[in-house]
Amino acid sequence: MITDLLMILLVAFLAFLFWQQRRQSEIARTAISRHCEQLNLQLLSTSLLKYQFKLPDGRFQFHALYQFEFSARGDDYYQGQLIMIGFKAAKFMLPPYRIVDSEY
């Protein structure tokens, strides 16, 4: 009887964690898409890279690291990263990329 209740609670907790991770992924995708639009970049793909406890600046905080690919000219691609702390986009990290001159 008690093991059945514990199993139901465990399944409900795992479903809750999955639902929260999906919500975070949707928010990250929206933030990455908006950031690429602001920089006139073409977004190619996004993915969850990993979860970490240590931020790049050395502080300890649980966060998710998302990786995305973008193109600046259409015939190239670059990989950027986004740090998500909870449901907030904390920091974008983009490599140097070629800027398209729209006058030509």
Protein backbone atom coordinates (compact mmCIF):
# COMPACT_ATOMS: atom_id res chain seq x y z
CA MET A 1 0.00 0.00 0.00
CA ILE A 2 2.68 2.51 1.00
CA THR A 3 5.00 1.39 -1.82
CA ASP A 4 2.20 2.01 -4.31
CA LEU A 5 1.77 5.52 -2.95
CA LEU A 6 5.53 6.16 -3.11
CA MET A 7 5.67 4.89 -6.70
CA ILE A 8 2.79 7.18 -7.71
CA LEU A 9 4.53 10.14 -6.05
CA LEU A 10 7.81 9.27 -7.78
CA VAL A 11 6.13 9.04 -11.19
CA ALA A 12 4.30 12.33 -10.56
CA PHE A 13 7.58 14.01 -9.52
CA LEU A 14 9.40 12.74 -12.63
CA ALA A 15 6.52 13.96 -14.83
CA PHE A 16 6.74 17.37 -13.12
CA LEU A 17 10.52 17.56 -13.74
CA PHE A 18 10.02 16.63 -17.40
CA TRP A 19 7.30 19.26 -17.79
CA GLN A 20 9.50 21.95 -16.22
CA GLN A 21 12.44 21.02 -18.46
CA ARG A 22 10.22 21.26 -21.55
CA ARG A 23 8.98 24.67 -20.37
CA GLN A 24 12.56 25.87 -19.88
CA SER A 25 13.51 24.59 -23.35
CA GLU A 26 10.65 26.52 -24.95
CA ILE A 27 11.65 29.71 -23.14
CA ALA A 28 15.29 29.19 -24.18
CA ARG A 29 14.28 28.65 -27.82
CA THR A 30 12.22 31.85 -27.78
CA ALA A 31 15.06 33.85 -26.18
CA ILE A 32 17.62 32.50 -28.67
CA SER A 33 15.32 33.23 -31.60
CA ARG A 34 14.71 36.80 -30.38
CA HIS A 35 18.44 37.36 -29.83
CA CYS A 36 19.27 36.13 -33.35
CA GLU A 37 16.58 38.39 -34.85
CA GLN A 38 18.04 41.41 -33.04
CA LEU A 39 21.48 40.63 -34.49
CA ASN A 40 20.12 39.83 -37.99
CA LEU A 41 21.27 36.22 -37.76
CA GLN A 42 19.56 33.12 -39.10
CA LEU A 43 18.87 30.55 -36.37
CA LEU A 44 19.61 27.01 -37.55
CA SER A 45 19.09 24.77 -34.51
CA THR A 46 18.96 24.69 -30.73
CA SER A 47 19.64 21.93 -28.23
CA LEU A 48 20.16 21.36 -24.53
CA LEU A 49 23.87 20.76 -24.04
CA LYS A 50 24.07 19.93 -20.31
CA TYR A 51 23.27 20.91 -16.76
CA GLN A 52 26.04 22.30 -14.57
CA PHE A 53 26.58 23.55 -11.04
CA LYS A 54 29.43 26.00 -11.70
CA LEU A 55 29.01 29.14 -13.81
CA PRO A 56 31.84 30.26 -16.14
CA ASP A 57 32.70 33.10 -13.71
CA GLY A 58 33.35 30.57 -10.92
CA ARG A 59 30.17 30.97 -8.87
CA PHE A 60 28.26 27.85 -7.89
CA GLN A 61 24.71 27.89 -9.20
CA PHE A 62 22.66 25.20 -10.93
CA HIS A 63 22.00 26.16 -14.54
CA ALA A 64 21.29 24.72 -17.98
CA LEU A 65 23.58 25.27 -20.94
CA TYR A 66 21.90 25.44 -24.35
CA GLN A 67 23.82 25.31 -27.60
CA PHE A 68 22.55 26.84 -30.81
CA GLU A 69 23.80 27.14 -34.37
CA PHE A 70 23.32 30.28 -36.42
CA SER A 71 24.35 31.67 -39.77
CA ALA A 72 25.37 35.22 -40.57
CA ARG A 73 25.52 35.06 -44.38
CA GLY A 74 23.60 31.91 -45.21
CA ASP A 75 26.60 29.88 -46.37
CA ASP A 76 28.36 29.63 -42.99
CA TYR A 77 27.45 28.52 -39.50
CA TYR A 78 28.62 29.23 -35.99
CA GLN A 79 27.83 27.76 -32.58
CA GLY A 80 26.74 29.90 -29.67
CA GLN A 81 25.67 29.10 -26.13
CA LEU A 82 23.03 30.35 -23.73
CA ILE A 83 23.08 29.99 -19.95
CA MET A 84 19.60 29.57 -18.49
CA ILE A 85 19.20 30.00 -14.74
CA GLY A 86 15.75 28.74 -13.91
CA PHE A 87 13.42 30.22 -16.51
CA LYS A 88 15.61 33.27 -17.22
CA ALA A 89 18.11 33.67 -20.05
CA ALA A 90 21.18 34.79 -18.12
CA LYS A 91 23.98 35.07 -20.69
CA PHE A 92 24.54 34.61 -24.41
CA MET A 93 28.00 33.59 -25.61
CA LEU A 94 28.62 34.00 -29.35
CA PRO A 95 31.87 33.52 -31.23
CA PRO A 96 33.17 36.21 -33.60
CA TYR A 97 31.24 36.01 -36.86
CA ARG A 98 31.15 37.89 -40.16
CA ILE A 99 28.74 40.78 -40.29
CA VAL A 100 26.64 40.99 -43.44
CA ASP A 101 26.61 44.39 -45.08
CA SER A 102 23.03 44.85 -46.31
CA GLU A 103 23.91 47.78 -48.64
CA TYR A 104 25.15 45.52 -51.43
